[in-house]
Amino acid sequence: MKNGDKVKFGEDFCERTGRPYLLGKTIMLTPQFFEEDNGLYTYMSECPGILITEADDEPESIYHLFGNDLKCIYDCEIIKATGEDIAEINRQREKYENARNKEYEDMVEFYSNLDD
């Protein structure tokens, strides 16, 4: 599974995982960022995932949904990404990068205006 693919959630999956609110929904996997820890330091890593609703601030990665070995897909249907889906993912990624760059520029401006 990769960004842009869609998951149609099945009845068996929703029942086994306690997620009845996903039954019959089809949701696109989008780039999500998760904190990882290697024992020495933490860092952010990108992984395909979903936001259940637009109001969610905590995404779920494919590993949260289907287990680290992805064996818990059960009766979910995976729909491969189309060219249009990939274009949407690229627009989302560009929007994220622009927002992040703006934050960095604002930080530089803030710190450059501090008196020593």
N, C-alpha and C. Protein backbone atom coordinates (compact mmCIF):
# COMPACT_ATOMS: atom_id res chain seq x y z
N MET A 1 0.84 -1.18 0.00
CA MET A 1 0.00 0.00 0.00
C MET A 1 0.88 1.24 0.00
N LYS A 2 0.41 2.24 -0.72
CA LYS A 2 1.17 3.48 -0.80
C LYS A 2 0.21 4.66 -0.77
N ASN A 3 0.78 5.85 -0.61
CA ASN A 3 -0.03 7.07 -0.63
C ASN A 3 -0.81 7.12 -1.93
N GLY A 4 -2.08 7.48 -1.83
CA GLY A 4 -2.96 7.57 -2.99
C GLY A 4 -3.86 6.35 -3.13
N ASP A 5 -3.41 5.19 -2.64
CA ASP A 5 -4.29 4.01 -2.63
C ASP A 5 -5.46 4.29 -1.70
N LYS A 6 -6.56 3.62 -1.96
CA LYS A 6 -7.74 3.79 -1.11
C LYS A 6 -8.05 2.46 -0.43
N VAL A 7 -8.62 2.55 0.77
CA VAL A 7 -9.03 1.37 1.52
C VAL A 7 -10.55 1.45 1.70
N LYS A 8 -11.22 0.38 1.25
CA LYS A 8 -12.66 0.25 1.52
C LYS A 8 -12.77 -0.73 2.69
N PHE A 9 -13.28 -0.24 3.81
CA PHE A 9 -13.30 -1.01 5.04
C PHE A 9 -14.48 -1.98 5.05
N GLY A 10 -14.15 -3.23 5.37
CA GLY A 10 -15.15 -4.29 5.39
C GLY A 10 -15.71 -4.56 6.77
N GLU A 11 -16.79 -5.35 6.79
CA GLU A 11 -17.50 -5.66 8.03
C GLU A 11 -16.63 -6.45 9.00
N ASP A 12 -15.91 -7.45 8.51
CA ASP A 12 -15.06 -8.28 9.37
C ASP A 12 -13.98 -7.42 10.05
N PHE A 13 -13.33 -6.56 9.27
CA PHE A 13 -12.29 -5.68 9.83
C PHE A 13 -12.88 -4.79 10.92
N CYS A 14 -13.99 -4.14 10.61
CA CYS A 14 -14.59 -3.20 11.56
C CYS A 14 -15.02 -3.89 12.85
N GLU A 15 -15.54 -5.11 12.72
CA GLU A 15 -15.96 -5.85 13.91
C GLU A 15 -14.75 -6.28 14.74
N ARG A 16 -13.74 -6.84 14.09
CA ARG A 16 -12.56 -7.35 14.82
C ARG A 16 -11.75 -6.24 15.48
N THR A 17 -11.73 -5.05 14.89
CA THR A 17 -10.89 -3.97 15.41
C THR A 17 -11.67 -2.93 16.21
N GLY A 18 -12.98 -3.13 16.34
CA GLY A 18 -13.79 -2.19 17.12
C GLY A 18 -13.91 -0.83 16.47
N ARG A 19 -14.00 -0.81 15.14
CA ARG A 19 -14.14 0.45 14.41
C ARG A 19 -15.40 0.45 13.54
N PRO A 20 -16.58 0.36 14.14
CA PRO A 20 -17.81 0.30 13.34
C PRO A 20 -18.05 1.54 12.50
N TYR A 21 -17.49 2.66 12.89
CA TYR A 21 -17.66 3.92 12.17
C TYR A 21 -16.97 3.91 10.80
N LEU A 22 -16.11 2.92 10.54
CA LEU A 22 -15.44 2.83 9.24
C LEU A 22 -16.17 1.92 8.25
N LEU A 23 -17.17 1.19 8.71
CA LEU A 23 -17.85 0.20 7.88
C LEU A 23 -18.36 0.81 6.57
N GLY A 24 -17.90 0.24 5.47
CA GLY A 24 -18.34 0.67 4.14
C GLY A 24 -17.69 1.94 3.63
N LYS A 25 -16.89 2.61 4.45
CA LYS A 25 -16.22 3.84 4.00
C LYS A 25 -15.01 3.50 3.13
N THR A 26 -14.74 4.36 2.18
CA THR A 26 -13.54 4.26 1.36
C THR A 26 -12.73 5.53 1.62
N ILE A 27 -11.51 5.36 2.12
CA ILE A 27 -10.67 6.49 2.51
C ILE A 27 -9.31 6.36 1.83
N MET A 28 -8.84 7.48 1.27
CA MET A 28 -7.53 7.51 0.61
C MET A 28 -6.41 7.57 1.64
N LEU A 29 -5.36 6.79 1.39
CA LEU A 29 -4.15 6.88 2.21
C LEU A 29 -3.37 8.11 1.78
N THR A 30 -3.03 8.94 2.74
CA THR A 30 -2.30 10.17 2.47
C THR A 30 -1.02 10.20 3.30
N PRO A 31 -0.05 11.04 2.91
CA PRO A 31 1.18 11.13 3.70
C PRO A 31 0.88 11.65 5.11
N GLN A 32 1.29 10.89 6.10
CA GLN A 32 1.14 11.29 7.49
C GLN A 32 2.51 11.21 8.14
N PHE A 33 2.71 11.97 9.17
CA PHE A 33 4.02 12.02 9.82
C PHE A 33 3.89 11.53 11.26
N PHE A 34 4.80 10.63 11.63
CA PHE A 34 4.76 9.98 12.93
C PHE A 34 6.12 10.07 13.58
N GLU A 35 6.10 10.23 14.90
CA GLU A 35 7.34 10.27 15.66
C GLU A 35 7.85 8.85 15.87
N GLU A 36 9.13 8.64 15.61
CA GLU A 36 9.77 7.34 15.83
C GLU A 36 10.92 7.52 16.80
N ASP A 37 11.26 6.45 17.47
CA ASP A 37 12.32 6.47 18.48
C ASP A 37 13.22 5.27 18.23
N ASN A 38 14.51 5.53 18.02
CA ASN A 38 15.44 4.42 17.79
C ASN A 38 16.25 4.08 19.04
N GLY A 39 15.89 4.62 20.17
CA GLY A 39 16.61 4.37 21.41
C GLY A 39 17.61 5.46 21.75
N LEU A 40 18.07 6.18 20.76
CA LEU A 40 19.00 7.29 20.98
C LEU A 40 18.32 8.65 20.84
N TYR A 41 17.44 8.75 19.87
CA TYR A 41 16.75 10.02 19.61
C TYR A 41 15.44 9.74 18.89
N THR A 42 14.60 10.74 18.83
CA THR A 42 13.33 10.62 18.10
C THR A 42 13.42 11.44 16.83
N TYR A 43 12.64 11.06 15.86
CA TYR A 43 12.61 11.74 14.57
C TYR A 43 11.25 11.52 13.94
N MET A 44 10.95 12.31 12.94
CA MET A 44 9.67 12.19 12.23
C MET A 44 9.87 11.34 10.98
N SER A 45 8.90 10.51 10.72
CA SER A 45 8.96 9.65 9.56
C SER A 45 7.60 9.69 8.85
N GLU A 46 7.63 9.64 7.53
CA GLU A 46 6.41 9.68 6.74
C GLU A 46 5.93 8.26 6.48
N CYS A 47 4.62 8.08 6.56
CA CYS A 47 4.02 6.77 6.32
C CYS A 47 2.61 6.99 5.77
N PRO A 48 2.16 6.14 4.86
CA PRO A 48 0.76 6.25 4.42
C PRO A 48 -0.16 6.06 5.62
N GLY A 49 -1.19 6.88 5.68
CA GLY A 49 -2.13 6.78 6.78
C GLY A 49 -3.43 7.49 6.45
N ILE A 50 -4.30 7.57 7.43
CA ILE A 50 -5.59 8.23 7.22
C ILE A 50 -5.91 9.11 8.42
N LEU A 51 -6.70 10.11 8.15
CA LEU A 51 -7.39 10.86 9.20
C LEU A 51 -8.83 10.39 9.11
N ILE A 52 -9.36 9.87 10.20
CA ILE A 52 -10.72 9.32 10.18
C ILE A 52 -11.72 10.42 9.83
N THR A 53 -11.56 11.60 10.45
CA THR A 53 -12.39 12.76 10.11
C THR A 53 -11.47 13.96 9.96
N GLU A 54 -11.95 14.99 9.32
CA GLU A 54 -11.16 16.20 9.13
C GLU A 54 -10.79 16.85 10.46
N ALA A 55 -11.59 16.61 11.49
CA ALA A 55 -11.33 17.22 12.80
C ALA A 55 -10.23 16.48 13.58
N ASP A 56 -9.87 15.28 13.12
CA ASP A 56 -8.84 14.52 13.83
C ASP A 56 -7.50 15.23 13.75
N ASP A 57 -6.78 15.20 14.88
CA ASP A 57 -5.43 15.75 14.85
C ASP A 57 -4.40 14.63 14.98
N GLU A 58 -4.86 13.40 15.19
CA GLU A 58 -3.97 12.25 15.28
C GLU A 58 -4.30 11.28 14.15
N PRO A 59 -3.44 11.19 13.14
CA PRO A 59 -3.70 10.24 12.06
C PRO A 59 -3.41 8.82 12.50
N GLU A 60 -3.91 7.87 11.72
CA GLU A 60 -3.60 6.46 11.94
C GLU A 60 -2.81 5.98 10.73
N SER A 61 -1.65 5.37 10.98
CA SER A 61 -0.84 4.84 9.88
C SER A 61 -1.40 3.48 9.46
N ILE A 62 -0.94 2.99 8.33
CA ILE A 62 -1.38 1.66 7.90
C ILE A 62 -0.97 0.61 8.93
N TYR A 63 0.10 0.88 9.67
CA TYR A 63 0.55 -0.07 10.69
C TYR A 63 -0.35 -0.02 11.92
N HIS A 64 -0.88 1.17 12.27
CA HIS A 64 -1.86 1.27 13.36
C HIS A 64 -3.12 0.52 12.98
N LEU A 65 -3.52 0.65 11.73
CA LEU A 65 -4.77 0.04 11.27
C LEU A 65 -4.67 -1.47 11.08
N PHE A 66 -3.58 -1.91 10.43
CA PHE A 66 -3.51 -3.30 9.97
C PHE A 66 -2.39 -4.12 10.62
N GLY A 67 -1.70 -3.58 11.61
CA GLY A 67 -0.62 -4.29 12.27
C GLY A 67 0.70 -4.11 11.54
N ASN A 68 1.80 -4.30 12.26
CA ASN A 68 3.12 -4.08 11.68
C ASN A 68 3.42 -4.95 10.47
N ASP A 69 2.85 -6.15 10.43
CA ASP A 69 3.08 -7.02 9.28
C ASP A 69 1.93 -6.96 8.27
N LEU A 70 0.98 -6.06 8.49
CA LEU A 70 -0.17 -5.83 7.61
C LEU A 70 -1.03 -7.08 7.43
N LYS A 71 -1.04 -7.98 8.43
CA LYS A 71 -1.85 -9.20 8.34
C LYS A 71 -3.30 -8.97 8.75
N CYS A 72 -3.60 -7.83 9.32
CA CYS A 72 -4.95 -7.59 9.85
C CYS A 72 -5.84 -6.81 8.87
N ILE A 73 -5.64 -7.02 7.60
CA ILE A 73 -6.47 -6.33 6.60
C ILE A 73 -7.85 -6.96 6.53
N TYR A 74 -7.95 -8.27 6.80
CA TYR A 74 -9.19 -9.02 6.81
C TYR A 74 -9.94 -8.81 5.49
N ASP A 75 -11.14 -8.25 5.54
CA ASP A 75 -11.95 -8.14 4.33
C ASP A 75 -11.93 -6.74 3.72
N CYS A 76 -10.93 -5.94 4.07
CA CYS A 76 -10.82 -4.61 3.46
C CYS A 76 -10.37 -4.76 2.01
N GLU A 77 -10.86 -3.87 1.18
CA GLU A 77 -10.48 -3.87 -0.23
C GLU A 77 -9.49 -2.73 -0.47
N ILE A 78 -8.38 -3.03 -1.14
CA ILE A 78 -7.38 -2.02 -1.48
C ILE A 78 -7.60 -1.62 -2.94
N ILE A 79 -7.80 -0.35 -3.16
CA ILE A 79 -8.03 0.19 -4.51
C ILE A 79 -6.80 0.99 -4.89
N LYS A 80 -6.11 0.57 -5.93
CA LYS A 80 -4.86 1.21 -6.34
C LYS A 80 -5.08 2.66 -6.77
N ALA A 81 -4.07 3.47 -6.51
CA ALA A 81 -4.11 4.91 -6.82
C ALA A 81 -4.16 5.13 -8.33
N THR A 82 -4.91 6.14 -8.73
CA THR A 82 -4.94 6.57 -10.13
C THR A 82 -3.96 7.74 -10.29
N GLY A 83 -3.73 8.16 -11.51
CA GLY A 83 -2.90 9.33 -11.76
C GLY A 83 -3.45 10.56 -11.08
N GLU A 84 -4.77 10.69 -11.06
CA GLU A 84 -5.42 11.83 -10.39
C GLU A 84 -5.18 11.78 -8.88
N ASP A 85 -5.22 10.58 -8.31
CA ASP A 85 -4.96 10.42 -6.87
C ASP A 85 -3.53 10.85 -6.54
N ILE A 86 -2.58 10.43 -7.36
CA ILE A 86 -1.17 10.79 -7.14
C ILE A 86 -0.99 12.30 -7.26
N ALA A 87 -1.68 12.92 -8.22
CA ALA A 87 -1.60 14.38 -8.37
C ALA A 87 -2.13 15.07 -7.11
N GLU A 88 -3.22 14.55 -6.53
CA GLU A 88 -3.77 15.12 -5.29
C GLU A 88 -2.77 14.97 -4.14
N ILE A 89 -2.13 13.82 -4.05
CA ILE A 89 -1.12 13.60 -3.01
C ILE A 89 0.01 14.61 -3.17
N ASN A 90 0.45 14.83 -4.41
CA ASN A 90 1.53 15.79 -4.66
C ASN A 90 1.10 17.20 -4.28
N ARG A 91 -0.15 17.57 -4.53
CA ARG A 91 -0.66 18.89 -4.11
C ARG A 91 -0.65 19.00 -2.59
N GLN A 92 -1.09 17.95 -1.90
CA GLN A 92 -1.08 17.97 -0.44
C GLN A 92 0.34 18.08 0.10
N ARG A 93 1.26 17.34 -0.48
CA ARG A 93 2.65 17.37 -0.03
C ARG A 93 3.24 18.77 -0.25
N GLU A 94 2.95 19.39 -1.40
CA GLU A 94 3.45 20.74 -1.69
C GLU A 94 2.87 21.75 -0.70
N LYS A 95 1.59 21.60 -0.38
CA LYS A 95 0.95 22.49 0.59
C LYS A 95 1.62 22.35 1.96
N TYR A 96 1.89 21.14 2.37
CA TYR A 96 2.56 20.88 3.65
C TYR A 96 3.95 21.49 3.65
N GLU A 97 4.71 21.27 2.58
CA GLU A 97 6.08 21.79 2.50
C GLU A 97 6.08 23.31 2.50
N ASN A 98 5.14 23.94 1.81
CA ASN A 98 5.05 25.41 1.80
C ASN A 98 4.75 25.94 3.20
N ALA A 99 3.84 25.28 3.91
CA ALA A 99 3.51 25.71 5.28
C ALA A 99 4.72 25.54 6.20
N ARG A 100 5.43 24.43 6.06
CA ARG A 100 6.61 24.20 6.89
C ARG A 100 7.69 25.23 6.58
N ASN A 101 7.92 25.52 5.31
CA ASN A 101 8.92 26.53 4.93
C ASN A 101 8.54 27.90 5.47
N LYS A 102 7.26 28.23 5.46
CA LYS A 102 6.79 29.51 6.00
C LYS A 102 7.09 29.59 7.50
N GLU A 103 6.87 28.49 8.22
CA GLU A 103 7.19 28.46 9.65
C GLU A 103 8.68 28.72 9.87
N TYR A 104 9.52 28.09 9.07
CA TYR A 104 10.97 28.29 9.20
C TYR A 104 11.36 29.73 8.91
N GLU A 105 10.76 30.32 7.86
CA GLU A 105 11.05 31.71 7.52
C GLU A 105 10.63 32.64 8.66
N ASP A 106 9.47 32.36 9.25
CA ASP A 106 9.00 33.18 10.37
C ASP A 106 9.93 33.05 11.57
N MET A 107 10.45 31.86 11.82
CA MET A 107 11.39 31.66 12.93
C MET A 107 12.68 32.44 12.68
N VAL A 108 13.18 32.40 11.45
CA VAL A 108 14.40 33.12 11.11
C VAL A 108 14.18 34.61 11.32
N GLU A 109 13.04 35.11 10.84
CA GLU A 109 12.74 36.53 11.00
C GLU A 109 12.64 36.90 12.48
N PHE A 110 11.97 36.09 13.27
CA PHE A 110 11.81 36.36 14.69
C PHE A 110 13.18 36.45 15.38
N TYR A 111 14.01 35.45 15.15
CA TYR A 111 15.30 35.42 15.84
C TYR A 111 16.28 36.46 15.30
N SER A 112 16.14 36.84 14.06
CA SER A 112 17.02 37.87 13.52
C SER A 112 16.67 39.25 14.05
N ASN A 113 15.46 39.42 14.57
CA ASN A 113 15.03 40.70 15.11
C ASN A 113 15.25 40.83 16.62
N LEU A 114 15.76 39.80 17.25
CA LEU A 114 16.04 39.87 18.68
C LEU A 114 17.31 40.69 18.93
N ASP A 115 17.28 41.49 19.97
CA ASP A 115 18.47 42.23 20.35
C ASP A 115 19.38 41.31 21.14
N ASP A 116 20.67 41.37 20.84
CA ASP A 116 21.65 40.54 21.58
C ASP A 116 21.96 41.13 22.91
